[in-house]
Amino acid sequence: MFISLLIVQIATILYHQLTTNFDFYPFNGIRHYSAKERRNEAWMNGIIMAIPIILTLTRMPLWIGISGLIWTLVLVGAILSWWLPYLTGVAVYKMSNNETWSQVYEKIFSQTITILPPIKNNPRPNLEHMILHILILSSATITLMYTFI
């Protein structure tokens, strides 16, 4: 189970880094980011996702449990930034450039691949992020299962 845990965690960070650094349009909308924004996204989230992997590599139950908590917090962030606006139309985060999440979504993600049906005019998670969120959920779930079962 430990190897499966590591594989899922590593797959999550690798997927994120690939989709953050390479343009796979219309799969992702990274072409609408500046080089600096791509770098910041890759570094910030890369570090956040690398920490649980490093903690897991210790093989110490306490650190693996903290790793599961970190993955859970990353999942909460994904839910708040993508799924809450999709399901309710309510955006929790304030964009740094005074744009609404709907405006940012329209500019960056509206032309990417989406498979979910529209709910009103709410921004829909695109396929790229749905896969990422499944990987994050898997990382959190498997890590917590490994720790507590």
Protein backbone atom coordinates (compact mmCIF):
# COMPACT_ATOMS: atom_id res chain seq x y z
CA MET A 1 0.00 0.00 0.00
CA PHE A 2 2.92 2.36 0.70
CA ILE A 3 4.07 2.19 -2.93
CA SER A 4 0.52 2.90 -4.15
CA LEU A 5 0.39 5.87 -1.82
CA LEU A 6 3.63 7.29 -3.21
CA ILE A 7 2.60 6.64 -6.81
CA VAL A 8 -0.67 8.55 -6.41
CA GLN A 9 1.01 11.46 -4.64
CA ILE A 10 3.79 11.69 -7.24
CA ALA A 11 1.27 11.38 -10.09
CA THR A 12 -0.67 14.29 -8.59
CA ILE A 13 2.30 16.66 -8.47
CA LEU A 14 3.57 15.55 -11.91
CA TYR A 15 0.15 16.09 -13.48
CA HIS A 16 -0.11 19.53 -11.88
CA GLN A 17 3.35 20.53 -13.06
CA LEU A 18 2.73 19.30 -16.61
CA THR A 19 -0.56 21.13 -16.95
CA THR A 20 0.89 24.27 -15.37
CA ASN A 21 4.01 24.43 -17.52
CA PHE A 22 2.85 23.12 -20.90
CA ASP A 23 0.10 24.33 -23.20
CA PHE A 24 -2.28 21.48 -24.06
CA TYR A 25 -5.04 23.74 -25.38
CA PRO A 26 -7.98 23.15 -25.40
CA PHE A 27 -7.32 20.78 -22.48
CA ASN A 28 -5.89 23.56 -20.32
CA GLY A 29 -5.92 27.35 -20.40
CA ILE A 30 -2.33 27.99 -19.36
CA ARG A 31 -1.67 29.92 -22.59
CA HIS A 32 -3.54 32.82 -21.04
CA TYR A 33 -1.05 33.09 -18.16
CA SER A 34 2.19 35.07 -18.34
CA ALA A 35 5.49 33.25 -17.90
CA LYS A 36 5.73 34.77 -14.40
CA GLU A 37 2.22 33.58 -13.47
CA ARG A 38 3.06 30.06 -14.70
CA ARG A 39 6.28 30.04 -12.66
CA ASN A 40 4.50 31.27 -9.54
CA GLU A 41 1.72 28.70 -9.93
CA ALA A 42 4.20 25.88 -10.52
CA TRP A 43 6.42 26.84 -7.58
CA MET A 44 3.74 27.61 -5.02
CA ASN A 45 1.60 24.57 -5.67
CA GLY A 46 4.63 22.41 -6.40
CA ILE A 47 6.05 23.14 -2.95
CA ILE A 48 2.67 22.58 -1.30
CA MET A 49 2.35 19.20 -3.05
CA ALA A 50 6.00 18.20 -2.50
CA ILE A 51 5.83 18.61 1.28
CA PRO A 52 3.34 15.73 1.80
CA ILE A 53 5.46 13.49 -0.43
CA ILE A 54 8.56 14.27 1.63
CA LEU A 55 6.62 13.64 4.84
CA THR A 56 5.33 10.33 3.46
CA LEU A 57 8.87 9.25 2.58
CA THR A 58 9.76 9.34 6.29
CA ARG A 59 7.45 6.33 6.75
CA MET A 60 6.62 7.73 10.19
CA PRO A 61 2.89 7.52 10.98
CA LEU A 62 2.72 11.04 12.46
CA TRP A 63 4.31 12.67 9.41
CA ILE A 64 2.22 10.59 6.99
CA GLY A 65 -0.88 11.69 8.93
CA ILE A 66 0.21 15.33 8.53
CA SER A 67 0.74 14.60 4.84
CA GLY A 68 -2.89 13.44 4.64
CA LEU A 69 -4.01 16.62 6.38
CA ILE A 70 -2.10 18.75 3.85
CA TRP A 71 -3.68 16.87 0.93
CA THR A 72 -7.08 17.39 2.57
CA LEU A 73 -6.45 21.14 2.82
CA VAL A 74 -5.44 21.22 -0.86
CA LEU A 75 -8.71 19.43 -1.65
CA VAL A 76 -10.69 21.98 0.38
CA GLY A 77 -9.01 24.73 -1.65
CA ALA A 78 -10.04 23.00 -4.88
CA ILE A 79 -13.62 22.67 -3.65
CA LEU A 80 -13.78 26.32 -2.63
CA SER A 81 -12.22 27.62 -5.82
CA TRP A 82 -13.94 25.38 -8.40
CA TRP A 83 -16.83 23.32 -7.06
CA LEU A 84 -18.55 25.87 -4.82
CA PRO A 85 -18.78 28.46 -7.64
CA TYR A 86 -19.99 25.75 -10.06
CA LEU A 87 -22.69 24.39 -7.74
CA THR A 88 -23.83 27.62 -6.08
CA GLY A 89 -22.49 30.54 -8.12
CA VAL A 90 -20.73 31.81 -4.99
CA ALA A 91 -17.02 32.59 -5.35
CA VAL A 92 -15.11 32.57 -2.07
CA TYR A 93 -11.81 33.97 -3.32
CA LYS A 94 -11.23 37.57 -4.29
CA MET A 95 -9.05 37.89 -7.38
CA SER A 96 -5.95 40.05 -6.91
CA ASN A 97 -6.71 42.20 -9.98
CA ASN A 98 -10.30 43.05 -8.87
CA GLU A 99 -11.81 40.71 -11.45
CA THR A 100 -14.55 38.31 -10.41
CA TRP A 101 -13.97 34.57 -10.62
CA SER A 102 -16.52 34.48 -13.45
CA GLN A 103 -14.50 37.05 -15.40
CA VAL A 104 -11.25 35.15 -14.85
CA TYR A 105 -12.96 31.89 -15.81
CA GLU A 106 -14.37 33.45 -18.99
CA LYS A 107 -10.97 34.78 -20.01
CA ILE A 108 -8.88 31.70 -19.17
CA PHE A 109 -10.99 28.55 -18.96
CA SER A 110 -14.22 29.06 -20.90
CA GLN A 111 -12.76 27.64 -24.12
CA THR A 112 -11.21 24.58 -22.49
CA ILE A 113 -12.80 21.12 -22.47
CA THR A 114 -15.72 20.83 -20.05
CA ILE A 115 -17.92 17.79 -19.62
CA LEU A 116 -20.19 18.94 -16.80
CA PRO A 117 -23.57 20.41 -17.68
CA PRO A 118 -23.99 24.14 -17.09
CA ILE A 119 -25.71 25.35 -13.94
CA LYS A 120 -27.05 28.80 -14.78
CA ASN A 121 -24.01 30.85 -15.86
CA ASN A 122 -21.77 29.41 -13.15
CA PRO A 123 -18.14 28.67 -14.08
CA ARG A 124 -17.73 24.93 -14.74
CA PRO A 125 -14.66 22.95 -13.68
CA ASN A 126 -12.86 21.98 -16.87
CA LEU A 127 -11.63 18.46 -17.57
CA GLU A 128 -8.05 19.39 -16.67
CA HIS A 129 -9.10 20.46 -13.16
CA MET A 130 -11.55 17.59 -12.70
CA ILE A 131 -8.68 15.15 -13.26
CA LEU A 132 -6.44 17.14 -10.91
CA HIS A 133 -9.15 17.15 -8.25
CA ILE A 134 -9.62 13.39 -8.56
CA LEU A 135 -5.87 12.95 -8.09
CA ILE A 136 -5.89 15.27 -5.05
CA LEU A 137 -8.88 13.42 -3.59
CA SER A 138 -7.08 10.12 -4.20
CA SER A 139 -3.90 11.41 -2.56
CA ALA A 140 -5.82 12.61 0.49
CA THR A 141 -7.93 9.45 0.77
CA ILE A 142 -5.13 6.93 0.31
CA THR A 143 -2.82 8.84 2.65
CA LEU A 144 -5.44 9.00 5.39
CA MET A 145 -6.40 5.35 4.85
CA TYR A 146 -2.75 4.35 5.11
CA THR A 147 -2.42 6.32 8.35
CA PHE A 148 -5.59 5.26 10.12
CA ILE A 149 -6.52 1.82 8.80
